[in-house]
Each structure stands twice: as C-alpha cells, then as structure tokens.
Amino acid sequence: MNVELRQLRCLVAIVDEGTFTDAAIALGVSQAAVSRTLASLECVLGVRLLRRTSREVAPTATGLRVLAHARRVLGEVADLVQEATSGRASLRLVRVNSTTAGLAEGACDAAVVRRPLDDRRFDSAIVGLERRLCALAADDPLAGRRSVRLADLGGRVLLIDRRTGTTTTELFPPDSRPVTRETHDVDEWLTEISTGRCVGMTAESTAHQYPRPGVVYRPVRDAEPIAVRLAWWRDAPHPAAPAAIELLTELYRRAT
C-alpha cells in the first residue's frame, strides 16, 4: 500500500476548495486529473473518502479521519522542507551515552563530544576547552582541598568509562597510576563515587549537569584540559552547523 503526497494534497484541496473544478484550479491540473487522483487514493485505502452530490462534496466519516492525518502529514513535510533549505533549525537537547553522543544512532544532527571521533563518517571542530575535575565523596580527605594533583590520586581506585569517558591512566605519571574500574552509566558512576570506594575524573561540564549530594568536584590543576568538539555527518552536514560552531566557540570564550 503506497499513499503519495500528491494524493493527500488532492484530497485536502477538494475539501478546502469545495468542488473538483476549484481544486483543479488551485492545484494547477485538469479536473479529470483531480478525479483520477482521488479515485486512486480511495482505491489504495479501500474506502470511500468523499460523498459527492450535485450540490456539494463532503467527507465521509472515514474521509474526515483521513483528512486530519493528511493535513498533519503535509504540515510535517512542509516543516521538513523549510528546515532543510533555510539553514535554521529548532534546538532540542538530547543525551545519549554513546561514543558519538547520539550522532551514529540518528538521535541528533550534530553532537557535542569530548573525545576525538576516529570514525571517518564524521567531521568535527573544536569549540572550546574544559578543565578536568576530580569527583570525590564529600567526606573524602581530598574534598577539603581547593584543587588536587594527579599524583594525589595515584593510590586510589579510578572509575572510568572507556566507551565515552575522557580519562585514561596515560594521564598519570607512570609511577603513580591508579587502579581502574569500569562503568557505563553516569548515575552508577556518581553512586559509586559517593560511597568513597573510588574517585572519578571528568570534564568541567559534568559538575554543572550532574550535581549529586555526597559528591564534590575539585579541579585537577596539573591535568591537560579537555577539548570540546561539535561533530556532524561528513557527507550531510546540517545547514546550521557553522552557526552552531560560532555560537559555542563564543560561549566558551566568554566562560574563560
């Protein structure tokens, strides 16, 4: 069963214009073409959509339901065309715990990532830098300090996410690398840290996005900052990507 947009436009035009003749004028086709297109839609759906008399054309009960769907579909198609051709898009934030932050999964058109993407399907641009913070239990001895050093964490258990995290033991001096444990969920990461059995290291944005009672964040003053990138599909960049890069770069510049 294949319903075409031209068939839906024809149905809407007939109802809105009131007659087949006026619908033909509005669509720029012949009256015979309007009749054929409506007949083909009724054939595909297997239902009668319009009740025709010598005086009027009115939707059947089923026709009213199909008409409502047709208006919605045509409206969504118009919005899609407008977004794709105008370079303007509504912004909706989604969080996906994957290496591409939802880009490969089709959850977004552009993604903010904090580790380089090795996949050549994607391109990216650095928009800013973030400090590395250590996440500690609120009663941890290091929590009383204003900042910590990498060497302070050498004898601790470090909770990391190898899939999306930005921390590896390569950040630490060879003689003071911590033991690591893995997690793949930020809530689990925070819960484990709050017990005091382990610590974490993360980008500065995590402290703003995931405040948690029992967990404090302290800057790691001798750790390299984390590059923040905006990533997109290489072969289909979103028209708004240049504007997003400019905006994010300016926001990070103001924050420093």
Protein backbone atom coordinates (compact mmCIF):
# COMPACT_ATOMS: atom_id res chain seq x y z
CA MET A 1 0.00 0.00 0.00
CA ASN A 2 1.62 3.27 -1.19
CA VAL A 3 -0.04 6.59 -0.42
CA GLU A 4 1.53 9.52 -2.26
CA LEU A 5 1.76 13.13 -1.16
CA ARG A 6 0.03 14.29 -4.36
CA GLN A 7 -2.99 12.17 -3.41
CA LEU A 8 -3.15 13.75 0.05
CA ARG A 9 -2.80 17.24 -1.45
CA CYS A 10 -5.61 16.45 -3.84
CA LEU A 11 -7.95 15.34 -1.03
CA VAL A 12 -7.21 18.45 1.03
CA ALA A 13 -7.66 20.72 -1.98
CA ILE A 14 -11.06 19.26 -2.84
CA VAL A 15 -12.34 19.71 0.70
CA ASP A 16 -10.86 23.19 1.12
CA GLU A 17 -11.98 24.49 -2.28
CA GLY A 18 -15.39 22.81 -2.16
CA THR A 19 -15.53 21.50 -5.74
CA PHE A 20 -13.41 19.41 -8.08
CA THR A 21 -13.24 22.34 -10.51
CA ASP A 22 -11.86 24.75 -7.91
CA ALA A 23 -9.46 22.11 -6.58
CA ALA A 24 -8.11 21.64 -10.12
CA ILE A 25 -7.50 25.40 -10.39
CA ALA A 26 -5.75 25.50 -7.00
CA LEU A 27 -3.51 22.54 -7.90
CA GLY A 28 -2.84 23.71 -11.46
CA VAL A 29 -4.13 20.50 -13.05
CA SER A 30 -7.20 19.39 -15.00
CA GLN A 31 -10.46 18.44 -13.35
CA ALA A 32 -10.06 14.95 -14.79
CA ALA A 33 -6.65 14.65 -13.09
CA VAL A 34 -8.22 15.59 -9.75
CA SER A 35 -10.88 12.90 -10.19
CA ARG A 36 -8.30 10.28 -11.11
CA THR A 37 -6.02 11.15 -8.21
CA LEU A 38 -8.84 10.97 -5.66
CA ALA A 39 -10.05 7.68 -7.14
CA SER A 40 -6.53 6.23 -6.88
CA LEU A 41 -6.32 7.26 -3.20
CA GLU A 42 -9.69 5.66 -2.43
CA CYS A 43 -8.54 2.53 -4.27
CA VAL A 44 -5.29 2.31 -2.31
CA LEU A 45 -7.06 2.78 1.03
CA GLY A 46 -10.04 0.65 0.07
CA VAL A 47 -12.53 3.17 1.47
CA ARG A 48 -14.76 5.95 0.20
CA LEU A 49 -13.46 9.34 1.30
CA LEU A 50 -15.90 11.83 -0.22
CA ARG A 51 -19.65 11.93 -0.66
CA ARG A 52 -20.48 13.68 -3.94
CA THR A 53 -23.87 15.11 -4.85
CA SER A 54 -24.98 17.59 -7.47
CA ARG A 55 -24.70 20.39 -4.90
CA GLU A 56 -21.70 19.59 -2.72
CA VAL A 57 -18.68 17.46 -1.95
CA ALA A 58 -18.36 16.41 1.69
CA PRO A 59 -16.04 13.98 3.50
CA THR A 60 -17.42 10.70 4.75
CA ALA A 61 -16.81 9.74 8.37
CA THR A 62 -13.71 7.84 7.28
CA GLY A 63 -12.78 10.70 5.00
CA LEU A 64 -12.73 13.11 7.95
CA ARG A 65 -10.23 10.91 9.77
CA VAL A 66 -8.04 10.53 6.68
CA LEU A 67 -8.27 14.27 6.06
CA ALA A 68 -6.96 15.03 9.55
CA HIS A 69 -4.00 12.73 9.00
CA ALA A 70 -3.38 14.20 5.55
CA ARG A 71 -3.21 17.75 6.93
CA ARG A 72 -0.77 16.65 9.62
CA VAL A 73 1.48 14.77 7.18
CA LEU A 74 1.54 17.66 4.70
CA GLY A 75 2.31 20.09 7.52
CA GLU A 76 5.23 17.97 8.71
CA VAL A 77 6.58 17.68 5.18
CA ALA A 78 6.40 21.46 4.80
CA ASP A 79 8.29 21.90 8.07
CA LEU A 80 10.91 19.38 6.93
CA VAL A 81 11.47 21.23 3.66
CA GLN A 82 11.66 24.58 5.46
CA GLU A 83 14.24 23.30 7.94
CA ALA A 84 16.36 21.59 5.32
CA THR A 85 16.50 24.60 2.99
CA SER A 86 16.51 27.59 5.31
CA GLY A 87 19.57 26.85 7.41
CA ARG A 88 17.51 27.46 10.54
CA ALA A 89 16.54 24.71 12.95
CA SER A 90 14.89 24.37 16.31
CA LEU A 91 17.29 23.28 19.02
CA ARG A 92 16.47 20.25 21.12
CA LEU A 93 18.92 18.78 23.61
CA VAL A 94 19.24 15.00 23.80
CA ARG A 95 21.63 12.95 25.91
CA VAL A 96 22.84 9.64 24.50
CA ASN A 97 25.59 7.69 26.27
CA SER A 98 27.45 6.51 23.18
CA THR A 99 30.82 7.27 21.60
CA THR A 100 29.17 9.70 19.15
CA ALA A 101 26.68 11.16 21.66
CA GLY A 102 23.74 10.02 19.53
CA LEU A 103 25.06 11.01 16.10
CA ALA A 104 25.58 7.49 14.75
CA GLU A 105 22.27 6.38 16.29
CA GLY A 106 20.34 9.05 14.39
CA ALA A 107 19.23 10.77 17.59
CA CYS A 108 20.69 14.14 16.55
CA ASP A 109 22.07 16.12 13.61
CA ALA A 110 25.11 17.41 15.50
CA ALA A 111 26.74 16.24 18.71
CA VAL A 112 28.95 17.75 21.39
CA VAL A 113 31.72 15.28 22.17
CA ARG A 114 34.78 15.44 24.39
CA ARG A 115 36.96 12.86 22.74
CA PRO A 116 38.13 12.62 19.10
CA LEU A 117 35.95 10.57 16.76
CA ASP A 118 38.02 8.04 14.82
CA ASP A 119 35.11 7.18 12.54
CA ARG A 120 35.72 8.83 9.15
CA ARG A 121 31.98 9.18 8.58
CA PHE A 122 32.06 12.18 10.88
CA ASP A 123 33.77 15.55 10.88
CA SER A 124 34.22 17.85 13.86
CA ALA A 125 35.56 21.19 15.03
CA ILE A 126 36.96 22.20 18.43
CA VAL A 127 34.73 24.84 20.00
CA GLY A 128 36.32 25.16 23.44
CA LEU A 129 38.32 23.72 26.30
CA GLU A 130 37.15 22.46 29.69
CA ARG A 131 39.11 21.84 32.86
CA ARG A 132 39.44 18.32 34.20
CA LEU A 133 37.77 17.84 37.55
CA CYS A 134 38.14 15.08 40.12
CA ALA A 135 34.88 13.72 41.54
CA LEU A 136 35.16 12.70 45.19
CA ALA A 137 32.93 11.62 48.04
CA ALA A 138 32.03 14.65 50.15
CA ASP A 139 33.80 13.13 53.17
CA ASP A 140 36.94 12.18 51.23
CA PRO A 141 40.15 13.67 52.75
CA LEU A 142 40.88 15.35 49.39
CA ALA A 143 37.46 17.01 49.32
CA GLY A 144 38.67 19.68 51.73
CA ARG A 145 41.22 20.95 49.23
CA ARG A 146 40.54 23.63 46.64
CA SER A 147 42.29 21.53 43.97
CA VAL A 148 44.21 18.27 43.64
CA ARG A 149 47.11 16.92 41.63
CA LEU A 150 47.29 13.78 39.53
CA ALA A 151 49.76 12.25 41.95
CA ASP A 152 47.20 12.62 44.77
CA LEU A 153 45.04 10.04 43.02
CA GLY A 154 47.80 7.51 42.37
CA GLY A 155 46.86 5.13 45.15
CA ARG A 156 43.13 5.31 44.58
CA VAL A 157 40.61 3.32 42.53
CA LEU A 158 39.61 5.36 39.49
CA LEU A 159 36.16 4.71 37.99
CA ILE A 160 36.22 5.20 34.21
CA ASP A 161 34.02 4.75 31.15
CA ARG A 162 36.18 3.51 28.27
CA ARG A 163 33.33 3.99 25.81
CA THR A 164 32.53 7.68 26.32
CA GLY A 165 34.85 8.93 29.06
CA THR A 166 37.84 11.22 28.62
CA THR A 167 40.09 9.68 31.30
CA THR A 168 42.77 7.03 30.86
CA THR A 169 45.69 6.02 33.06
CA GLU A 170 48.00 7.62 30.46
CA LEU A 171 47.16 10.97 32.05
CA PHE A 172 49.03 9.98 35.21
CA PRO A 173 52.75 9.78 35.92
CA PRO A 174 54.00 6.22 35.27
CA ASP A 175 54.94 5.73 38.90
CA SER A 176 51.59 6.83 40.34
CA ARG A 177 48.87 5.45 38.11
CA PRO A 178 45.65 4.46 39.86
CA VAL A 179 43.86 1.14 39.68
CA THR A 180 40.83 1.40 37.38
CA ARG A 181 37.29 0.02 37.39
CA GLU A 182 34.79 0.41 34.57
CA THR A 183 31.25 1.72 34.42
CA HIS A 184 28.94 2.66 31.55
CA ASP A 185 26.35 4.78 33.32
CA VAL A 186 26.74 8.24 34.87
CA ASP A 187 24.30 7.54 37.70
CA GLU A 188 26.20 4.38 38.65
CA TRP A 189 29.46 6.38 38.37
CA LEU A 190 28.20 9.01 40.82
CA THR A 191 26.71 6.48 43.22
CA GLU A 192 29.95 4.52 43.43
CA ILE A 193 31.98 7.69 43.98
CA SER A 194 29.65 8.86 46.76
CA THR A 195 30.50 5.72 48.76
CA GLY A 196 34.15 6.76 48.95
CA ARG A 197 35.38 3.47 47.48
CA CYS A 198 36.58 5.16 44.30
CA VAL A 199 37.11 8.51 42.62
CA GLY A 200 36.42 9.81 39.13
CA MET A 201 37.80 12.33 36.68
CA THR A 202 35.65 14.19 34.21
CA ALA A 203 35.09 17.35 32.20
CA GLU A 204 34.01 20.52 33.97
CA SER A 205 30.56 20.40 32.38
CA THR A 206 29.72 17.24 34.34
CA ALA A 207 29.76 19.21 37.59
CA HIS A 208 27.07 21.53 36.18
CA GLN A 209 24.95 18.85 34.54
CA TYR A 210 25.14 16.21 37.26
CA PRO A 211 25.31 17.72 40.74
CA ARG A 212 24.84 14.97 43.31
CA PRO A 213 24.53 15.13 47.10
CA GLY A 214 27.53 13.40 48.65
CA VAL A 215 29.79 14.12 45.65
CA VAL A 216 32.10 17.11 45.22
CA TYR A 217 34.20 18.18 42.24
CA ARG A 218 37.70 19.61 42.54
CA PRO A 219 39.95 20.92 39.73
CA VAL A 220 42.97 18.80 38.82
CA ARG A 221 45.49 21.57 38.40
CA ASP A 222 48.24 19.65 36.56
CA ALA A 223 45.96 17.78 34.10
CA GLU A 224 45.61 18.83 30.47
CA PRO A 225 42.24 20.43 29.61
CA ILE A 226 39.66 18.56 27.56
CA ALA A 227 38.93 19.69 24.00
CA VAL A 228 35.19 20.06 23.33
CA ARG A 229 34.12 19.32 19.77
CA LEU A 230 30.97 19.76 17.71
CA ALA A 231 30.63 16.74 15.40
CA TRP A 232 28.42 16.10 12.37
CA TRP A 233 27.99 13.70 9.45
CA ARG A 234 30.76 14.42 6.93
CA ASP A 235 28.60 13.74 3.87
CA ALA A 236 25.50 15.53 5.18
CA PRO A 237 26.43 18.50 7.37
CA HIS A 238 23.48 20.31 8.88
CA PRO A 239 22.98 23.81 7.41
CA ALA A 240 23.07 25.28 10.91
CA ALA A 241 26.44 23.68 11.81
CA PRO A 242 28.57 26.79 11.04
CA ALA A 243 26.29 28.96 13.18
CA ALA A 244 26.39 26.40 16.00
CA ILE A 245 30.20 26.30 15.89
CA GLU A 246 30.36 30.09 16.06
CA LEU A 247 27.89 30.24 18.95
CA LEU A 248 29.57 27.51 21.01
CA THR A 249 33.02 28.97 20.42
CA GLU A 250 31.84 32.36 21.62
CA LEU A 251 30.17 30.86 24.70
CA TYR A 252 33.34 29.00 25.68
CA ARG A 253 35.42 32.12 25.03
CA ARG A 254 33.23 34.13 27.38
CA ALA A 255 33.44 31.43 30.06
CA THR A 256 37.24 31.60 30.26
